[in-house]
Amino acid sequence: MVVADRLSFSRAAAELGMSQPAVSQAIARLERALELRLFDRNSRGVQLTEAGKMLLPHAEALREGASAFAAEATRLAAPAGGGAIRLAYCPMVGTLAARVVRRLARRVPAVAVELRAAGWRAASEDLLQSTASAALMSRPFPAGFASTARFRLPVRHLAVPAGSPLATAARLGPEQLARQDVLMPRHRPPGSLWAQLDARLAGRARFVDEDLDDLPAALDLVAAGRGVLPAPQLLVETVRRPDLRFVRFDAPGLGVGYGLVWRQQDASAELMALVQAAQEVHRNRSSG
């Protein structure tokens, strides 16, 4: 499913920590077992076939079911404990974090949750240092951690200053960003939105390196004229500012993935209750 998300064997391999040939061989074995072609490969990249598109929701349901099974088994096996759960969350999906906490409160009222807003880098450090029980964060997820409730936000717009000539455009493509300043973080891990954008715009735009760990906050830099910024659909739907414009960006396949991430060996009954709450919220969100 990572290949389906990334539409690239090389990007999927980087995210999974595998070699590209190993990923290609795994997909080939699956296609032979199913007697179906799931992906079309050509010089422009990888695309799902019609059969692949039809099977993808079923594969995602199986993955979520397996995660739910593992979470429940771990919860039942874990000794009952106390103390608060610390949930780091990306501000981009803060409303989702709040829904997860509300769902957990209804399921297990005795479990207290401490919320901490954290971008990708801060959330990764919290998990690695065990200062957070779990993180609702963007991809790529830290290696060796469990994850569930995964979803992807498409990026179909650019945030531009309201006074910029770009603000009057009906739509923009990568070629129209030549000599434009594009806000990008210094660290662009494989599989991230920034690595995808870097590959799409290489040689076309001037990248302005900023400490971008919070997309909503980065809109202030756009309004100040520092550069333009890729905007996930959720940001476009929720932000209304007179000093900004969201212009359609033609970059098919561009997006940012999110999920709930935790250290499997640190699982407790309380943490597994949080995982189950996140899975329930994700299922309701997907079905809605």
Protein backbone atom coordinates (compact mmCIF):
# COMPACT_ATOMS: atom_id res chain seq x y z
CA MET A 1 0.00 0.00 0.00
CA VAL A 2 3.00 2.28 0.41
CA VAL A 3 3.66 1.85 -3.33
CA ALA A 4 0.03 2.84 -4.00
CA ASP A 5 0.47 5.92 -1.77
CA ARG A 6 3.78 6.98 -3.28
CA LEU A 7 3.26 5.78 -6.88
CA SER A 8 6.98 5.09 -6.93
CA PHE A 9 8.94 1.93 -6.10
CA SER A 10 12.01 3.95 -5.11
CA ARG A 11 10.10 6.28 -2.74
CA ALA A 12 8.21 3.34 -1.24
CA ALA A 13 11.48 1.46 -0.72
CA ALA A 14 13.02 4.47 1.05
CA GLU A 15 10.04 4.78 3.39
CA LEU A 16 9.98 1.05 4.15
CA GLY A 17 13.74 0.79 4.65
CA MET A 18 14.01 -1.78 1.83
CA SER A 19 15.84 -1.94 -1.47
CA GLN A 20 13.90 -1.02 -4.61
CA PRO A 21 14.38 -4.49 -6.17
CA ALA A 22 12.98 -6.09 -3.00
CA VAL A 23 9.84 -3.94 -3.18
CA SER A 24 9.44 -4.64 -6.92
CA GLN A 25 9.81 -8.38 -6.33
CA ALA A 26 7.26 -8.33 -3.50
CA ILE A 27 4.71 -6.59 -5.73
CA ALA A 28 5.44 -9.03 -8.55
CA ARG A 29 4.88 -12.00 -6.21
CA LEU A 30 1.57 -10.51 -5.06
CA GLU A 31 0.43 -9.96 -8.65
CA ARG A 32 1.31 -13.55 -9.55
CA ALA A 33 -0.55 -14.88 -6.51
CA LEU A 34 -3.66 -12.83 -7.35
CA GLU A 35 -3.31 -13.41 -11.10
CA LEU A 36 -3.97 -9.68 -11.50
CA ARG A 37 -1.87 -6.74 -12.61
CA LEU A 38 -2.07 -4.13 -9.85
CA PHE A 39 0.32 -1.49 -11.21
CA ASP A 40 1.21 -0.13 -14.62
CA ARG A 41 4.91 0.66 -14.90
CA ASN A 42 6.27 3.06 -17.50
CA SER A 43 8.99 5.67 -17.91
CA ARG A 44 6.83 8.28 -16.15
CA GLY A 45 6.39 6.22 -12.99
CA VAL A 46 3.85 3.85 -11.49
CA GLN A 47 0.08 4.00 -11.64
CA LEU A 48 -2.60 1.75 -10.16
CA THR A 49 -4.53 -0.32 -12.68
CA GLU A 50 -8.32 -0.38 -12.50
CA ALA A 51 -8.09 -3.67 -10.61
CA GLY A 52 -5.56 -2.11 -8.23
CA LYS A 53 -7.86 0.86 -7.56
CA MET A 54 -10.78 -1.45 -6.81
CA LEU A 55 -8.76 -3.66 -4.45
CA LEU A 56 -7.01 -0.84 -2.57
CA PRO A 57 -9.91 -0.07 -0.14
CA HIS A 58 -10.11 -3.77 0.74
CA ALA A 59 -6.37 -3.90 1.36
CA GLU A 60 -6.60 -0.84 3.61
CA ALA A 61 -9.46 -2.46 5.55
CA LEU A 62 -7.38 -5.63 6.02
CA ARG A 63 -4.44 -3.58 7.28
CA GLU A 64 -6.61 -1.71 9.76
CA GLY A 65 -8.21 -4.96 10.88
CA ALA A 66 -4.80 -6.51 11.51
CA SER A 67 -3.71 -3.43 13.45
CA ALA A 68 -6.91 -3.51 15.51
CA PHE A 69 -6.37 -7.21 16.26
CA ALA A 70 -2.79 -6.59 17.39
CA ALA A 71 -3.84 -3.59 19.50
CA GLU A 72 -6.58 -5.53 21.27
CA ALA A 73 -4.29 -8.52 21.88
CA THR A 74 -1.62 -6.24 23.33
CA ARG A 75 -4.18 -4.43 25.49
CA LEU A 76 -5.48 -7.71 26.90
CA ALA A 77 -1.97 -8.96 27.59
CA ALA A 78 -0.73 -5.73 29.19
CA PRO A 79 -0.96 -5.30 32.95
CA ALA A 80 -3.35 -2.62 34.12
CA GLY A 81 -1.49 0.56 34.94
CA GLY A 82 -2.02 4.19 35.74
CA GLY A 83 -0.66 7.54 34.76
CA ALA A 84 -1.29 9.87 31.87
CA ILE A 85 -0.72 9.20 28.19
CA ARG A 86 1.22 11.91 26.41
CA LEU A 87 0.07 12.35 22.82
CA ALA A 88 2.20 14.48 20.50
CA TYR A 89 0.26 15.72 17.49
CA CYS A 90 0.90 17.70 14.35
CA PRO A 91 -1.04 21.00 14.48
CA MET A 92 -2.23 20.29 10.93
CA VAL A 93 -4.41 17.48 12.31
CA GLY A 94 -5.21 18.98 15.72
CA THR A 95 -8.97 18.55 15.25
CA LEU A 96 -8.40 14.84 14.65
CA ALA A 97 -6.27 14.58 17.80
CA ALA A 98 -9.09 16.19 19.78
CA ARG A 99 -11.61 13.69 18.39
CA VAL A 100 -9.35 10.79 19.37
CA VAL A 101 -9.05 12.10 22.94
CA ARG A 102 -12.83 12.58 23.19
CA ARG A 103 -13.41 9.05 21.91
CA LEU A 104 -10.92 7.66 24.43
CA ALA A 105 -12.62 9.57 27.27
CA ARG A 106 -15.92 7.90 26.38
CA ARG A 107 -14.30 4.45 26.16
CA VAL A 108 -12.03 4.64 29.22
CA PRO A 109 -12.85 7.70 31.36
CA ALA A 110 -10.08 6.91 33.87
CA VAL A 111 -7.29 7.43 31.28
CA ALA A 112 -5.87 10.96 31.25
CA VAL A 113 -4.28 12.29 28.06
CA GLU A 114 -1.77 15.13 27.89
CA LEU A 115 -1.71 16.77 24.46
CA ARG A 116 1.44 18.33 23.03
CA ALA A 117 1.57 20.12 19.68
CA ALA A 118 4.66 18.94 17.81
CA GLY A 119 5.83 19.05 14.22
CA TRP A 120 7.47 16.08 12.50
CA ARG A 121 10.93 16.60 13.96
CA ALA A 122 9.71 17.23 17.52
CA ALA A 123 7.29 14.29 17.40
CA SER A 124 10.05 11.98 16.14
CA GLU A 125 12.33 13.07 18.98
CA ASP A 126 9.53 12.60 21.53
CA LEU A 127 8.98 9.03 20.35
CA LEU A 128 12.66 8.16 20.20
CA GLN A 129 13.26 9.56 23.69
CA SER A 130 10.01 8.05 25.07
CA THR A 131 8.83 11.48 26.20
CA ALA A 132 5.57 10.87 24.30
CA SER A 133 3.48 7.70 24.47
CA ALA A 134 2.32 8.13 20.88
CA ALA A 135 2.32 10.70 18.11
CA LEU A 136 -0.22 11.67 15.47
CA MET A 137 2.33 12.75 12.89
CA SER A 138 3.22 12.97 9.22
CA ARG A 139 5.27 10.49 7.23
CA PRO A 140 7.92 9.20 7.20
CA PHE A 141 7.37 7.46 10.53
CA PRO A 142 10.44 6.62 12.65
CA ALA A 143 11.84 3.18 11.82
CA GLY A 144 10.92 0.38 14.21
CA PHE A 145 7.67 1.95 15.47
CA ALA A 146 4.14 0.62 15.04
CA SER A 147 1.57 2.75 13.22
CA THR A 148 -2.15 2.71 12.50
CA ALA A 149 -5.05 4.96 11.44
CA ARG A 150 -3.02 6.01 8.40
CA PHE A 151 -4.47 8.48 5.92
CA ARG A 152 -3.26 10.84 3.23
CA LEU A 153 -4.09 14.49 2.59
CA PRO A 154 -3.73 15.54 -1.05
CA VAL A 155 -1.77 18.70 -1.82
CA ARG A 156 -3.52 20.48 -4.68
CA HIS A 157 -2.91 24.14 -3.85
CA LEU A 158 -0.15 26.64 -3.17
CA ALA A 159 -0.51 29.34 -0.54
CA VAL A 160 0.66 32.65 -2.02
CA PRO A 161 0.64 36.25 -0.70
CA ALA A 162 -2.56 38.06 -1.59
CA GLY A 163 -0.59 40.83 -3.33
CA SER A 164 1.53 38.49 -5.45
CA PRO A 165 0.97 38.27 -9.24
CA LEU A 166 0.55 34.53 -8.66
CA ALA A 167 -2.59 35.21 -6.61
CA THR A 168 -4.58 36.03 -9.76
CA ALA A 169 -3.73 32.77 -11.52
CA ALA A 170 -6.47 30.17 -11.91
CA ARG A 171 -3.94 27.38 -11.54
CA LEU A 172 -0.18 26.91 -11.45
CA GLY A 173 2.15 24.14 -12.58
CA PRO A 174 5.74 23.35 -11.58
CA GLU A 175 7.05 25.12 -14.69
CA GLN A 176 5.37 28.37 -13.62
CA LEU A 177 7.35 28.46 -10.38
CA ALA A 178 10.59 29.20 -12.22
CA ARG A 179 12.53 31.83 -10.26
CA GLN A 180 9.85 31.85 -7.54
CA ASP A 181 10.75 31.44 -3.87
CA VAL A 182 9.31 28.22 -2.43
CA LEU A 183 9.36 27.67 1.32
CA MET A 184 11.01 24.36 2.22
CA PRO A 185 12.53 22.97 5.43
CA ARG A 186 16.23 22.23 5.55
CA HIS A 187 15.54 18.60 6.43
CA ARG A 188 13.58 16.74 3.72
CA PRO A 189 13.43 13.05 4.69
CA PRO A 190 12.59 10.50 1.98
CA GLY A 191 8.85 9.94 1.71
CA SER A 192 7.97 13.34 3.14
CA LEU A 193 5.94 16.00 1.36
CA TRP A 194 9.11 18.05 1.09
CA ALA A 195 11.10 15.30 -0.63
CA GLN A 196 8.23 14.87 -3.12
CA LEU A 197 8.12 18.60 -3.82
CA ASP A 198 11.89 18.83 -4.11
CA ALA A 199 11.81 16.16 -6.82
CA ARG A 200 8.98 17.92 -8.70
CA LEU A 201 10.56 21.38 -8.62
CA ALA A 202 14.27 20.58 -8.86
CA GLY A 203 15.90 23.25 -10.99
CA ARG A 204 12.71 25.25 -11.48
CA ALA A 205 12.39 27.25 -8.27
CA ARG A 206 14.49 28.94 -5.59
CA PHE A 207 14.09 27.07 -2.35
CA VAL A 208 13.96 29.18 0.81
CA ASP A 209 15.14 27.01 3.70
CA GLU A 210 13.10 27.62 6.84
CA ASP A 211 12.37 25.68 10.01
CA LEU A 212 8.99 24.54 8.75
CA ASP A 213 7.65 22.08 11.29
CA ASP A 214 4.15 23.53 11.45
CA LEU A 215 2.31 24.25 8.18
CA PRO A 216 -0.45 26.46 9.65
CA ALA A 217 2.18 28.65 11.35
CA ALA A 218 4.21 28.75 8.12
CA LEU A 219 1.37 30.67 6.48
CA ASP A 220 2.64 33.74 8.35
CA LEU A 221 5.85 33.47 6.33
CA VAL A 222 3.82 33.32 3.12
CA ALA A 223 1.83 36.41 4.09
CA ALA A 224 5.11 38.20 4.86
CA GLY A 225 6.32 37.54 1.31
CA ARG A 226 9.00 34.97 2.16
CA GLY A 227 7.74 32.55 -0.49
CA VAL A 228 4.93 30.25 -1.55
CA LEU A 229 3.97 27.08 0.32
CA PRO A 230 2.31 23.77 -0.67
CA ALA A 231 -1.05 23.54 1.10
CA PRO A 232 -2.78 20.24 2.00
CA GLN A 233 -6.49 20.19 1.27
CA LEU A 234 -7.42 20.33 4.96
CA LEU A 235 -5.52 23.61 5.31
CA VAL A 236 -7.27 25.06 2.28
CA GLU A 237 -10.68 24.09 3.67
CA THR A 238 -10.15 25.50 7.16
CA VAL A 239 -8.03 28.65 6.78
CA ARG A 240 -9.52 32.00 5.74
CA ARG A 241 -7.08 34.91 5.70
CA PRO A 242 -7.32 38.16 3.71
CA ASP A 243 -3.53 38.29 3.27
CA LEU A 244 -3.35 34.89 1.54
CA ARG A 245 -4.69 33.16 -1.55
CA PHE A 246 -4.82 29.43 -2.28
CA VAL A 247 -4.13 28.77 -5.95
CA ARG A 248 -4.67 25.40 -7.60
CA PHE A 249 -1.36 23.54 -8.09
CA ASP A 250 -1.12 20.91 -10.83
CA ALA A 251 1.17 18.27 -9.33
CA PRO A 252 -0.71 14.94 -9.48
CA GLY A 253 0.07 12.52 -6.67
CA LEU A 254 1.52 15.13 -4.33
CA GLY A 255 0.36 14.62 -0.76
CA VAL A 256 1.28 14.15 2.87
CA GLY A 257 0.52 11.01 4.86
CA TYR A 258 -0.36 10.90 8.56
CA GLY A 259 -0.88 8.19 11.15
CA LEU A 260 -0.75 7.34 14.84
CA VAL A 261 2.71 6.05 15.79
CA TRP A 262 3.89 4.36 18.99
CA ARG A 263 6.62 2.11 20.32
CA GLN A 264 5.24 -1.43 20.40
CA GLN A 265 7.39 -2.55 23.34
CA ASP A 266 6.08 0.33 25.47
CA ALA A 267 2.47 -0.72 24.98
CA SER A 268 0.20 -0.55 28.02
CA ALA A 269 -3.51 -1.12 28.39
CA GLU A 270 -4.00 2.67 28.39
CA LEU A 271 -1.92 3.19 25.27
CA MET A 272 -3.73 0.39 23.42
CA ALA A 273 -7.04 2.00 24.38
CA LEU A 274 -5.75 5.19 22.70
CA VAL A 275 -4.76 3.19 19.61
CA GLN A 276 -8.24 1.67 19.41
CA ALA A 277 -9.85 5.10 19.82
CA ALA A 278 -7.72 6.41 16.93
CA GLN A 279 -8.74 3.45 14.76
CA GLU A 280 -12.42 4.05 15.49
CA VAL A 281 -12.14 7.76 14.64
CA HIS A 282 -10.26 6.87 11.45
CA ARG A 283 -12.92 4.35 10.39
CA ASN A 284 -15.69 6.86 11.01
CA ARG A 285 -13.76 9.51 9.11
CA SER A 286 -13.20 7.18 6.16
CA SER A 287 -16.82 6.00 6.03
CA GLY A 288 -18.11 9.55 6.37
